[in-house]
C-alpha cells in the first residue's frame, strides 16, 4: 500500500481517485503519521437489499403504545 502526504493528496486528489478506482489503496499521512486510508467502494456495498431481517424480527401491534407506569416512573 502506497503512502502519500496530505499535501500530495490535496494537489493530486483526482489522480489518486483514478488509481483507487483501479484497485489501489493509499495511506494518507500528516507530519509522517498515518491519518486516513483511501480505498475504493465496491458496487455491491452500495446496493440496498431488502428483507434481510424477514422472519427474524417481530414488531407487536402495540409497539408504539404508551409505556407502563413501572417503566416510565413519576414525571
N, C-alpha and C. Protein backbone atom coordinates (compact mmCIF):
# COMPACT_ATOMS: atom_id res chain seq x y z
N UNK A 1 0.86 -1.17 0.00
CA UNK A 1 0.00 0.00 0.00
C UNK A 1 0.90 1.24 0.00
N UNK A 2 0.58 2.16 -0.88
CA UNK A 2 1.39 3.37 -1.00
C UNK A 2 0.98 4.41 0.03
N UNK A 3 1.92 5.29 0.35
CA UNK A 3 1.69 6.35 1.32
C UNK A 3 1.85 7.70 0.63
N UNK A 4 0.93 8.62 0.92
CA UNK A 4 1.03 9.99 0.39
C UNK A 4 0.76 10.97 1.51
N UNK A 5 1.38 12.14 1.42
CA UNK A 5 1.16 13.18 2.43
C UNK A 5 -0.16 13.88 2.16
N UNK A 6 -0.66 14.59 3.15
CA UNK A 6 -1.90 15.34 2.96
C UNK A 6 -1.73 16.39 1.86
N UNK A 7 -0.57 16.98 1.76
CA UNK A 7 -0.32 17.97 0.71
C UNK A 7 -0.44 17.34 -0.67
N UNK A 8 0.17 16.17 -0.85
CA UNK A 8 0.08 15.48 -2.14
C UNK A 8 -1.36 15.06 -2.40
N UNK A 9 -2.05 14.59 -1.38
CA UNK A 9 -3.44 14.18 -1.53
C UNK A 9 -4.31 15.36 -1.97
N UNK A 10 -4.04 16.54 -1.42
CA UNK A 10 -4.81 17.73 -1.80
C UNK A 10 -4.57 18.11 -3.26
N UNK A 11 -3.32 18.10 -3.67
CA UNK A 11 -2.98 18.57 -5.01
C UNK A 11 -3.24 17.53 -6.10
N UNK A 12 -3.28 16.26 -5.73
CA UNK A 12 -3.44 15.20 -6.74
C UNK A 12 -4.64 14.29 -6.47
N UNK A 13 -5.67 14.85 -5.86
CA UNK A 13 -6.82 14.04 -5.49
C UNK A 13 -7.44 13.33 -6.69
N UNK A 14 -7.59 14.03 -7.79
CA UNK A 14 -8.19 13.42 -8.98
C UNK A 14 -7.39 12.21 -9.45
N UNK A 15 -6.07 12.33 -9.45
CA UNK A 15 -5.22 11.22 -9.86
C UNK A 15 -5.33 10.06 -8.88
N UNK A 16 -5.35 10.38 -7.58
CA UNK A 16 -5.46 9.33 -6.57
C UNK A 16 -6.79 8.59 -6.71
N UNK A 17 -7.87 9.34 -6.96
CA UNK A 17 -9.17 8.71 -7.11
C UNK A 17 -9.20 7.80 -8.33
N UNK A 18 -8.54 8.20 -9.40
CA UNK A 18 -8.45 7.35 -10.58
C UNK A 18 -7.76 6.04 -10.25
N UNK A 19 -6.64 6.12 -9.52
CA UNK A 19 -5.90 4.92 -9.13
C UNK A 19 -6.70 4.05 -8.16
N UNK A 20 -7.42 4.70 -7.24
CA UNK A 20 -8.27 3.95 -6.30
C UNK A 20 -9.35 3.21 -7.07
N UNK A 21 -9.90 3.85 -8.08
CA UNK A 21 -10.90 3.20 -8.91
C UNK A 21 -10.36 1.99 -9.64
N UNK A 22 -9.06 1.95 -9.84
CA UNK A 22 -8.40 0.81 -10.49
C UNK A 22 -7.95 -0.24 -9.48
N UNK A 23 -8.25 -0.01 -8.20
CA UNK A 23 -7.97 -1.03 -7.19
C UNK A 23 -6.84 -0.72 -6.22
N UNK A 24 -6.15 0.38 -6.41
CA UNK A 24 -5.06 0.72 -5.48
C UNK A 24 -5.62 1.32 -4.19
N UNK A 25 -4.83 1.25 -3.14
CA UNK A 25 -5.18 1.85 -1.85
C UNK A 25 -4.02 2.73 -1.39
N UNK A 26 -4.35 3.78 -0.65
CA UNK A 26 -3.33 4.71 -0.18
C UNK A 26 -3.53 5.02 1.30
N UNK A 27 -2.43 5.20 2.00
CA UNK A 27 -2.44 5.73 3.35
C UNK A 27 -2.08 7.20 3.25
N UNK A 28 -2.89 8.06 3.83
CA UNK A 28 -2.61 9.50 3.82
C UNK A 28 -1.99 9.85 5.17
N UNK A 29 -0.87 10.54 5.09
CA UNK A 29 -0.13 10.88 6.32
C UNK A 29 -0.09 12.38 6.53
N UNK A 30 0.04 12.75 7.79
CA UNK A 30 0.22 14.15 8.16
C UNK A 30 1.40 14.18 9.13
N UNK A 31 2.40 14.95 8.78
CA UNK A 31 3.64 15.01 9.57
C UNK A 31 4.24 13.61 9.75
N UNK A 32 4.10 12.78 8.71
CA UNK A 32 4.69 11.45 8.74
C UNK A 32 3.88 10.39 9.46
N UNK A 33 2.74 10.77 10.03
CA UNK A 33 1.91 9.82 10.77
C UNK A 33 0.64 9.52 9.97
N UNK A 34 0.24 8.25 9.90
CA UNK A 34 -0.97 7.89 9.16
C UNK A 34 -2.21 8.49 9.81
N UNK A 35 -3.08 9.09 8.98
CA UNK A 35 -4.32 9.67 9.48
C UNK A 35 -5.55 9.13 8.77
N UNK A 36 -5.38 8.57 7.58
CA UNK A 36 -6.55 8.07 6.83
C UNK A 36 -6.10 7.04 5.81
N UNK A 37 -7.08 6.25 5.37
CA UNK A 37 -6.82 5.29 4.30
C UNK A 37 -7.81 5.57 3.18
N UNK A 38 -7.32 5.70 1.97
CA UNK A 38 -8.15 5.98 0.81
C UNK A 38 -8.33 4.67 0.05
N UNK A 39 -9.57 4.18 0.03
CA UNK A 39 -9.88 2.91 -0.63
C UNK A 39 -11.12 3.10 -1.50
N UNK A 40 -11.27 2.23 -2.47
CA UNK A 40 -12.43 2.28 -3.34
C UNK A 40 -13.65 1.66 -2.69
N UNK A 41 -14.80 1.96 -3.29
CA UNK A 41 -16.07 1.38 -2.83
C UNK A 41 -16.52 0.37 -3.87
N UNK A 42 -16.85 -0.81 -3.42
CA UNK A 42 -17.36 -1.83 -4.33
C UNK A 42 -18.83 -1.56 -4.62
N UNK A 43 -19.25 -1.84 -5.83
CA UNK A 43 -20.64 -1.59 -6.23
C UNK A 43 -21.62 -2.35 -5.33
N UNK A 44 -21.26 -3.57 -4.93
CA UNK A 44 -22.17 -4.34 -4.09
C UNK A 44 -22.33 -3.75 -2.69
N UNK A 45 -21.38 -2.90 -2.26
CA UNK A 45 -21.51 -2.23 -0.97
C UNK A 45 -22.60 -1.16 -1.01
N UNK A 46 -22.92 -0.68 -2.20
CA UNK A 46 -23.90 0.39 -2.34
C UNK A 46 -25.31 -0.11 -2.60
N UNK A 47 -25.44 -1.39 -2.97
CA UNK A 47 -26.75 -1.93 -3.27
C UNK A 47 -27.57 -2.13 -2.01
N UNK A 48 -28.82 -1.72 -2.07
CA UNK A 48 -29.73 -1.93 -0.93
C UNK A 48 -30.40 -3.28 -1.12
N UNK A 49 -30.43 -4.04 -0.07
CA UNK A 49 -31.04 -5.36 -0.12
C UNK A 49 -32.15 -5.41 0.92
N UNK A 50 -33.35 -5.67 0.47
CA UNK A 50 -34.48 -5.74 1.38
C UNK A 50 -34.68 -7.13 1.96
N UNK A 51 -35.49 -7.20 2.95
CA UNK A 51 -35.92 -8.45 3.58
C UNK A 51 -34.80 -9.21 4.29
N UNK A 52 -33.72 -8.54 4.65
CA UNK A 52 -32.64 -9.24 5.34
C UNK A 52 -33.06 -9.70 6.73
N UNK A 53 -33.98 -8.99 7.36
CA UNK A 53 -34.42 -9.33 8.72
C UNK A 53 -35.75 -10.08 8.73
N UNK A 54 -36.29 -10.40 7.55
CA UNK A 54 -37.58 -11.05 7.47
C UNK A 54 -37.56 -12.37 8.25
N UNK A 55 -38.53 -12.52 9.13
CA UNK A 55 -38.62 -13.72 9.95
C UNK A 55 -37.77 -13.70 11.20
N UNK A 56 -36.91 -12.71 11.34
CA UNK A 56 -36.02 -12.63 12.50
C UNK A 56 -36.48 -11.60 13.52
N UNK A 57 -37.33 -10.68 13.10
CA UNK A 57 -37.76 -9.59 13.97
C UNK A 57 -39.28 -9.58 14.02
N UNK A 58 -39.81 -9.43 15.22
CA UNK A 58 -41.25 -9.32 15.39
C UNK A 58 -41.58 -7.93 15.93
N UNK A 59 -42.54 -7.27 15.31
CA UNK A 59 -42.99 -5.97 15.79
C UNK A 59 -44.44 -6.14 16.21
N UNK A 60 -44.69 -5.97 17.48
CA UNK A 60 -46.04 -6.16 18.01
C UNK A 60 -46.94 -4.99 17.62
N UNK A 61 -48.23 -5.26 17.61
CA UNK A 61 -49.21 -4.24 17.22
C UNK A 61 -49.15 -3.00 18.10
N UNK A 62 -48.79 -3.17 19.38
CA UNK A 62 -48.78 -2.04 20.30
C UNK A 62 -47.37 -1.47 20.53
N UNK A 63 -46.48 -1.66 19.58
CA UNK A 63 -45.09 -1.23 19.79
C UNK A 63 -44.99 0.28 20.02
N UNK A 64 -45.92 1.04 19.50
CA UNK A 64 -45.87 2.49 19.68
C UNK A 64 -46.88 2.99 20.71
N UNK A 65 -47.41 2.07 21.50
CA UNK A 65 -48.35 2.44 22.55
C UNK A 65 -47.64 3.03 23.75
N UNK A 66 -48.38 3.54 24.70
CA UNK A 66 -47.76 4.13 25.89
C UNK A 66 -47.03 3.07 26.72
N UNK A 67 -45.98 3.49 27.37
CA UNK A 67 -45.20 2.59 28.23
C UNK A 67 -45.90 2.40 29.56
N UNK A 68 -45.71 1.24 30.19
CA UNK A 68 -46.29 1.01 31.51
C UNK A 68 -45.70 1.99 32.54
N UNK A 69 -46.48 2.27 33.59
CA UNK A 69 -46.04 3.21 34.62
C UNK A 69 -44.77 2.76 35.32
N UNK A 70 -44.56 1.44 35.49
CA UNK A 70 -43.36 0.98 36.18
C UNK A 70 -42.08 1.24 35.37
N UNK A 71 -42.23 1.47 34.08
CA UNK A 71 -41.07 1.81 33.25
C UNK A 71 -40.89 3.33 33.18
N UNK A 72 -41.99 4.03 33.01
CA UNK A 72 -41.93 5.49 32.87
C UNK A 72 -41.58 6.14 34.19
N UNK A 73 -42.21 5.70 35.26
CA UNK A 73 -41.99 6.30 36.58
C UNK A 73 -42.68 7.64 36.69
N UNK A 74 -42.50 8.30 37.82
CA UNK A 74 -43.17 9.59 38.03
C UNK A 74 -42.56 10.66 37.13
N UNK A 75 -43.41 11.56 36.67
CA UNK A 75 -42.93 12.66 35.80
C UNK A 75 -42.74 13.92 36.58
